[in-house]
C-alpha atoms as a PDB file:
ATOM      1  CA  MET A   1      -0.162  -0.128  -0.070  1.00  0.00           C
ATOM      2  CA  ARG A   2       1.512   3.943  -0.762  1.00  0.00           C
ATOM      3  CA  LEU A   3       2.593   5.560   1.820  1.00  0.00           C
ATOM      4  CA  ASP A   4      -0.070   8.987   1.897  1.00  0.00           C
ATOM      5  CA  LYS A   5      -3.194   5.759   1.533  1.00  0.00           C
ATOM      6  CA  PHE A   6      -1.674   4.235   4.945  1.00  0.00           C
ATOM      7  CA  LEU A   7      -1.180   7.352   6.584  1.00  0.00           C
ATOM      8  CA  LYS A   8      -4.634   8.422   6.079  1.00  0.00           C
ATOM      9  CA  VAL A   9      -6.547   4.634   7.202  1.00  0.00           C
ATOM     10  CA  SER A  10      -4.619   4.218   9.788  1.00  0.00           C
ATOM     11  CA  ARG A  11      -5.488   8.301  10.510  1.00  0.00           C
ATOM     12  CA  ILE A  12      -2.314   9.590  11.393  1.00  0.00           C
ATOM     13  CA  ILE A  13      -3.446  11.982   8.840  1.00  0.00           C
ATOM     14  CA  LYS A  14      -6.626  12.879   7.742  1.00  0.00           C
ATOM     15  CA  ARG A  15      -6.437  13.508   4.554  1.00  0.00           C
ATOM     16  CA  ARG A  16      -4.434  11.731   1.628  1.00  0.00           C
ATOM     17  CA  THR A  17      -4.044  15.196  -0.006  1.00  0.00           C
ATOM     18  CA  VAL A  18      -2.236  16.229   3.276  1.00  0.00           C
ATOM     19  CA  ALA A  19      -0.394  12.951   3.360  1.00  0.00           C
ATOM     20  CA  ASN A  20       0.972  13.711  -0.337  1.00  0.00           C
ATOM     21  CA  ASP A  21       2.264  17.030   0.901  1.00  0.00           C
ATOM     22  CA  ALA A  22       4.260  15.827   4.021  1.00  0.00           C
ATOM     23  CA  CYS A  23       5.855  13.645   2.159  1.00  0.00           C
ATOM     24  CA  ASP A  24       6.973  16.244  -0.546  1.00  0.00           C
ATOM     25  CA  ALA A  25       8.032  18.097   1.543  1.00  0.00           C
ATOM     26  CA  ASP A  26      10.080  15.298   3.949  1.00  0.00           C
ATOM     27  CA  HIS A  27       8.130  15.610   6.924  1.00  0.00           C
ATOM     28  CA  VAL A  28       8.210  11.501   6.884  1.00  0.00           C
ATOM     29  CA  LYS A  29      10.775   9.409   6.930  1.00  0.00           C
ATOM     30  CA  VAL A  30      10.250   5.028   7.052  1.00  0.00           C
ATOM     31  CA  ASN A  31      13.253   3.621   8.736  1.00  0.00           C
ATOM     32  CA  GLY A  32      15.195   6.569   9.289  1.00  0.00           C
ATOM     33  CA  ARG A  33      15.457   7.655   5.255  1.00  0.00           C
ATOM     34  CA  PRO A  34      12.784  10.624   3.424  1.00  0.00           C
ATOM     35  CA  ALA A  35      10.241   9.071   1.729  1.00  0.00           C
ATOM     36  CA  LYS A  36       8.123  10.038  -1.334  1.00  0.00           C
ATOM     37  CA  ALA A  37       3.958   9.102  -1.004  1.00  0.00           C
ATOM     38  CA  SER A  38       4.198   6.248  -3.722  1.00  0.00           C
ATOM     39  CA  TYR A  39       7.024   4.158  -1.054  1.00  0.00           C
ATOM     40  CA  ASP A  40       5.248   1.074  -0.442  1.00  0.00           C
ATOM     41  CA  VAL A  41       4.960   0.146   3.048  1.00  0.00           C
ATOM     42  CA  LYS A  42       5.710  -3.044   4.779  1.00  0.00           C
ATOM     43  CA  VAL A  43       4.775  -4.624   8.543  1.00  0.00           C
ATOM     44  CA  GLY A  44       7.672  -3.385  10.411  1.00  0.00           C
ATOM     45  CA  ASP A  45       8.288  -0.330   9.012  1.00  0.00           C
ATOM     46  CA  LEU A  46       9.390   1.990  11.037  1.00  0.00           C
ATOM     47  CA  LEU A  47       7.559   5.496  10.365  1.00  0.00           C
ATOM     48  CA  GLU A  48       7.993   8.931  11.584  1.00  0.00           C
ATOM     49  CA  ILE A  49       5.952  12.124  10.910  1.00  0.00           C
ATOM     50  CA  ALA A  50       6.755  15.916  12.141  1.00  0.00           C
ATOM     51  CA  PHE A  51       4.084  17.616  12.860  1.00  0.00           C
ATOM     52  CA  GLY A  52       5.908  21.342  13.725  1.00  0.00           C
ATOM     53  CA  GLU A  53       7.719  21.004  16.753  1.00  0.00           C
ATOM     54  CA  ARG A  54       6.515  17.130  17.323  1.00  0.00           C
ATOM     55  CA  ALA A  55       7.672  14.208  15.676  1.00  0.00           C
ATOM     56  CA  LEU A  56       5.553  10.972  16.171  1.00  0.00           C
ATOM     57  CA  LYS A  57       7.592   6.950  15.422  1.00  0.00           C
ATOM     58  CA  VAL A  58       5.099   4.515  14.552  1.00  0.00           C
ATOM     59  CA  ARG A  59       5.874   1.050  13.350  1.00  0.00           C
ATOM     60  CA  VAL A  60       3.672  -0.753  11.165  1.00  0.00           C
ATOM     61  CA  LEU A  61       2.608  -3.892  12.687  1.00  0.00           C
ATOM     62  CA  ASP A  62      -0.915  -4.247   9.883  1.00  0.00           C
ATOM     63  CA  VAL A  63      -1.158  -2.984   6.215  1.00  0.00           C
ATOM     64  CA  ARG A  64      -5.129  -2.742   5.542  1.00  0.00           C
ATOM     65  CA  ASP A  65      -6.756  -1.261   2.745  1.00  0.00           C
ATOM     66  CA  TYR A  66      -9.832  -0.510   4.580  1.00  0.00           C
ATOM     67  CA  THR A  67     -10.809  -0.137   8.179  1.00  0.00           C
ATOM     68  CA  ALA A  68     -13.220   1.137  10.769  1.00  0.00           C
ATOM     69  CA  LYS A  69     -12.026   3.879  12.677  1.00  0.00           C
ATOM     70  CA  ALA A  70     -12.367   2.686  15.842  1.00  0.00           C
ATOM     71  CA  ASP A  71     -10.139  -0.299  14.571  1.00  0.00           C
ATOM     72  CA  ALA A  72      -7.238   2.328  12.990  1.00  0.00           C
ATOM     73  CA  ALA A  73      -5.127   2.406  16.274  1.00  0.00           C
ATOM     74  CA  ASN A  74      -4.619  -1.575  15.610  1.00  0.00           C
ATOM     75  CA  LEU A  75      -2.840  -0.893  12.232  1.00  0.00           C
ATOM     76  CA  TYR A  76       0.513   0.870  13.985  1.00  0.00           C
ATOM     77  CA  GLU A  77       2.478   0.888  17.356  1.00  0.00           C
ATOM     78  CA  VAL A  78       3.447   4.570  18.691  1.00  0.00           C
ATOM     79  CA  ILE A  79       6.718   4.365  20.230  1.00  0.00           C
ATOM     80  CA  SER A  80       7.146   7.986  20.984  1.00  0.00           C
END
């Protein structure tokens, strides 16, 4: 699954266009490297998302095309 779609489906970022813009601005890293929106997310990947002064690190636990809002947090594990 594309990185921008995963960020939207997991509800880390609310809209796919915003996720796409964040990737273009190098605010998203996968396994320590800046990633494009088209990166293919795999289970076990370590994502780092910069939200201004704050940064969020998560590990991908599952990749699904669709998930209910209540189950979205089960797709990843927050590291810091």
